[in-house]
N, C-alpha and C. Protein backbone atom coordinates (compact mmCIF):
# COMPACT_ATOMS: atom_id res chain seq x y z
N MET A 1 15.51 -65.06 34.56
CA MET A 1 14.33 -64.06 34.66
C MET A 1 13.15 -64.81 33.92
N GLU A 2 13.48 -65.52 32.76
CA GLU A 2 12.21 -66.10 32.07
C GLU A 2 11.46 -67.09 32.91
N ASP A 3 12.08 -67.84 33.72
CA ASP A 3 11.49 -68.67 34.64
C ASP A 3 10.48 -68.09 35.61
N GLU A 4 11.05 -66.91 36.17
CA GLU A 4 10.28 -66.14 37.17
C GLU A 4 9.10 -65.56 36.54
N ARG A 5 9.29 -65.15 35.21
CA ARG A 5 8.29 -64.37 34.46
C ARG A 5 7.00 -65.57 34.27
N ASN A 6 7.49 -66.85 33.74
CA ASN A 6 6.59 -67.92 33.59
C ASN A 6 5.82 -68.30 34.76
N GLN A 7 6.58 -68.36 35.84
CA GLN A 7 5.94 -68.86 37.09
C GLN A 7 5.04 -67.69 37.66
N GLY A 8 5.31 -66.37 37.47
CA GLY A 8 4.46 -65.40 37.89
C GLY A 8 3.17 -65.25 36.96
N ALA A 9 3.27 -65.70 35.71
CA ALA A 9 2.30 -65.74 34.83
C ALA A 9 1.02 -66.52 35.47
N ASP A 10 1.37 -67.66 36.19
CA ASP A 10 0.40 -68.36 36.76
C ASP A 10 -0.21 -67.93 37.99
N SER A 11 0.48 -67.09 38.63
CA SER A 11 -0.14 -66.53 39.94
C SER A 11 -0.37 -65.11 39.93
N ALA A 12 0.06 -64.40 38.90
CA ALA A 12 -0.12 -62.82 39.05
C ALA A 12 -1.51 -62.52 38.96
N MET A 13 -1.77 -61.41 39.56
CA MET A 13 -3.22 -60.66 39.66
C MET A 13 -3.10 -59.45 38.75
N SER A 14 -4.17 -59.18 38.15
CA SER A 14 -4.09 -57.85 37.30
C SER A 14 -3.91 -56.82 38.14
N ILE A 15 -3.18 -55.78 37.57
CA ILE A 15 -2.74 -54.52 38.39
C ILE A 15 -4.01 -53.66 38.55
N GLU A 16 -5.02 -53.86 37.89
CA GLU A 16 -6.31 -53.27 38.09
C GLU A 16 -6.83 -53.52 39.53
N SER A 17 -6.43 -54.76 40.02
CA SER A 17 -6.92 -55.22 41.25
C SER A 17 -6.09 -54.87 42.47
N LEU A 18 -4.94 -53.91 42.12
CA LEU A 18 -4.01 -53.65 43.20
C LEU A 18 -4.61 -52.72 44.17
N PRO A 19 -4.72 -53.05 45.47
CA PRO A 19 -5.26 -52.25 46.50
C PRO A 19 -4.51 -51.02 46.77
N ASP A 20 -5.35 -49.92 47.15
CA ASP A 20 -4.76 -48.68 47.47
C ASP A 20 -3.67 -48.82 48.62
N GLY A 21 -2.55 -48.18 48.49
CA GLY A 21 -1.49 -48.05 49.61
C GLY A 21 -0.91 -49.35 49.42
N ALA A 22 -0.75 -50.06 48.36
CA ALA A 22 0.00 -51.27 48.14
C ALA A 22 1.58 -51.11 48.21
N GLY A 23 1.73 -49.79 47.96
CA GLY A 23 3.33 -49.46 48.07
C GLY A 23 3.79 -49.63 46.64
N PRO A 24 5.26 -49.32 46.50
CA PRO A 24 5.84 -49.28 45.17
C PRO A 24 5.93 -50.64 44.51
N LEU A 25 5.89 -50.68 43.19
CA LEU A 25 6.01 -52.04 42.47
C LEU A 25 7.47 -52.00 41.79
N GLU A 26 8.01 -53.21 41.70
CA GLU A 26 9.13 -53.42 40.98
C GLU A 26 8.88 -54.09 39.71
N LEU A 27 9.46 -53.70 38.53
CA LEU A 27 9.36 -54.37 37.37
C LEU A 27 10.21 -55.58 37.35
N VAL A 28 9.30 -56.54 37.04
CA VAL A 28 10.15 -57.94 37.06
C VAL A 28 10.60 -58.20 35.57
N GLY A 29 9.62 -58.12 34.57
CA GLY A 29 9.97 -58.34 33.23
C GLY A 29 8.73 -58.39 32.37
N GLU A 30 9.02 -58.61 31.07
CA GLU A 30 7.92 -58.72 30.08
C GLU A 30 7.83 -59.97 29.49
N LEU A 31 6.75 -60.49 29.11
CA LEU A 31 6.57 -61.60 28.32
C LEU A 31 5.69 -61.54 27.11
N GLN A 32 6.12 -61.76 25.93
CA GLN A 32 5.13 -61.64 24.70
C GLN A 32 4.61 -62.91 24.30
N ARG A 33 3.26 -62.93 24.15
CA ARG A 33 2.42 -64.21 23.75
C ARG A 33 1.54 -63.66 22.70
N GLY A 34 2.00 -64.05 21.32
CA GLY A 34 1.31 -63.67 20.38
C GLY A 34 1.16 -62.00 20.15
N LYS A 35 0.27 -61.32 20.00
CA LYS A 35 0.10 -59.95 19.93
C LYS A 35 -0.01 -59.14 21.41
N ARG A 36 -0.10 -59.95 22.33
CA ARG A 36 -0.22 -59.55 23.85
C ARG A 36 1.10 -59.50 24.34
N LEU A 37 1.34 -58.39 25.05
CA LEU A 37 2.62 -58.18 25.84
C LEU A 37 2.26 -57.98 27.35
N TYR A 38 2.66 -58.93 28.15
CA TYR A 38 2.28 -58.93 29.55
C TYR A 38 3.61 -58.40 30.29
N ILE A 39 3.37 -57.38 31.22
CA ILE A 39 4.39 -56.75 32.02
C ILE A 39 4.21 -57.17 33.44
N TYR A 40 5.07 -57.68 33.94
CA TYR A 40 5.12 -58.25 35.28
C TYR A 40 5.80 -57.33 36.43
N TYR A 41 5.08 -57.20 37.61
CA TYR A 41 5.64 -56.47 38.60
C TYR A 41 5.61 -57.23 39.89
N ARG A 42 6.37 -56.89 40.84
CA ARG A 42 6.46 -57.58 42.28
C ARG A 42 6.21 -56.39 43.24
N ASP A 43 5.19 -56.66 44.17
CA ASP A 43 5.22 -55.62 45.29
C ASP A 43 6.11 -56.01 46.42
N THR A 44 6.06 -55.00 47.48
CA THR A 44 7.03 -55.14 48.60
C THR A 44 6.77 -56.35 49.49
N LYS A 45 5.62 -57.02 49.34
CA LYS A 45 5.33 -58.25 50.04
C LYS A 45 5.48 -59.48 49.12
N GLY A 46 5.90 -59.34 48.09
CA GLY A 46 6.27 -60.43 47.35
C GLY A 46 5.09 -61.07 46.39
N GLY A 47 4.10 -60.15 46.29
CA GLY A 47 2.88 -60.43 45.38
C GLY A 47 3.30 -60.11 43.92
N CYS A 48 2.68 -60.96 43.07
CA CYS A 48 2.97 -60.70 41.52
C CYS A 48 1.76 -60.06 40.91
N TRP A 49 2.07 -59.05 40.03
CA TRP A 49 0.93 -58.29 39.41
C TRP A 49 1.31 -58.32 37.92
N TYR A 50 0.32 -58.10 37.15
CA TYR A 50 0.65 -57.71 35.67
C TYR A 50 -0.29 -56.76 34.98
N SER A 51 0.27 -56.19 34.01
CA SER A 51 -0.69 -55.39 33.09
C SER A 51 -0.26 -55.86 31.76
N ASN A 52 -1.12 -55.55 30.74
CA ASN A 52 -0.79 -55.96 29.38
C ASN A 52 -1.24 -54.93 28.27
N MET A 53 -0.44 -55.16 27.20
CA MET A 53 -0.65 -54.12 26.22
C MET A 53 -0.92 -55.10 25.02
N ILE A 54 -1.52 -54.48 23.80
CA ILE A 54 -1.81 -55.29 22.65
C ILE A 54 -1.14 -54.70 21.51
N GLN A 55 -0.37 -55.47 20.80
CA GLN A 55 0.46 -54.82 19.71
C GLN A 55 -0.57 -54.72 18.36
N THR A 56 -0.45 -53.39 17.86
CA THR A 56 -1.23 -53.16 16.70
C THR A 56 -0.32 -52.75 15.65
N GLU A 57 -0.85 -52.31 14.41
CA GLU A 57 0.14 -51.87 13.32
C GLU A 57 0.60 -50.53 13.78
N ASN A 58 0.07 -49.81 14.71
CA ASN A 58 0.42 -48.37 15.08
C ASN A 58 1.19 -48.52 16.48
N GLY A 59 1.61 -49.71 16.88
CA GLY A 59 2.38 -49.75 18.12
C GLY A 59 1.55 -50.54 19.21
N TYR A 60 1.99 -50.50 20.46
CA TYR A 60 1.26 -51.05 21.67
C TYR A 60 0.19 -50.00 22.14
N VAL A 61 -0.97 -50.76 22.42
CA VAL A 61 -1.92 -49.95 23.11
C VAL A 61 -2.45 -50.67 24.30
N THR A 62 -3.13 -50.02 25.23
CA THR A 62 -3.72 -50.81 26.34
C THR A 62 -4.80 -51.66 25.86
N GLU A 63 -5.15 -52.78 26.62
CA GLU A 63 -6.30 -53.70 26.20
C GLU A 63 -7.58 -52.66 26.17
N GLU A 64 -7.74 -51.93 27.09
CA GLU A 64 -8.98 -51.06 27.14
C GLU A 64 -9.15 -50.33 25.78
N GLU A 65 -7.99 -49.62 25.39
CA GLU A 65 -7.98 -48.86 24.11
C GLU A 65 -8.18 -49.80 22.90
N TYR A 66 -7.66 -50.99 22.88
CA TYR A 66 -7.80 -51.95 21.92
C TYR A 66 -9.20 -52.38 21.68
N ILE A 67 -10.04 -52.51 22.73
CA ILE A 67 -11.36 -53.05 22.78
C ILE A 67 -12.22 -51.92 22.56
N PHE A 68 -12.16 -50.67 23.06
CA PHE A 68 -13.10 -49.59 23.12
C PHE A 68 -12.69 -48.41 22.28
N GLY A 69 -11.45 -48.32 21.78
CA GLY A 69 -10.98 -47.27 20.99
C GLY A 69 -10.26 -46.13 21.97
N LYS A 70 -9.83 -45.27 21.31
CA LYS A 70 -9.05 -44.29 21.92
C LYS A 70 -9.98 -43.47 22.81
N LYS A 71 -9.55 -43.06 24.04
CA LYS A 71 -10.31 -42.31 24.92
C LYS A 71 -10.48 -40.79 24.34
N ARG A 72 -11.68 -40.16 24.51
CA ARG A 72 -11.91 -38.98 24.11
C ARG A 72 -11.64 -38.04 25.12
N ARG A 73 -10.93 -36.91 25.02
CA ARG A 73 -10.72 -35.96 26.20
C ARG A 73 -12.02 -35.18 26.57
N GLU A 74 -12.44 -35.26 27.69
CA GLU A 74 -13.70 -34.50 28.15
C GLU A 74 -13.41 -33.10 28.22
N ARG A 75 -14.49 -32.31 27.99
CA ARG A 75 -14.20 -30.85 28.06
C ARG A 75 -14.90 -30.23 29.29
């Protein structure tokens, strides 16, 4: 599985670019690089996708939350 993750790391696209109606994703695995955790998925057509989280002293947060801070709930 490690080889599949490393190979997918080179060709994977951000899950934020996933088109509408892409279908279900299958979790392939995770890969830790420094404080960044990459989570890899495969779609039904064999495409590779990833999302990532950043490790902080309070646990893992999304990259967006790491950069911009916690989202405030709108009223």
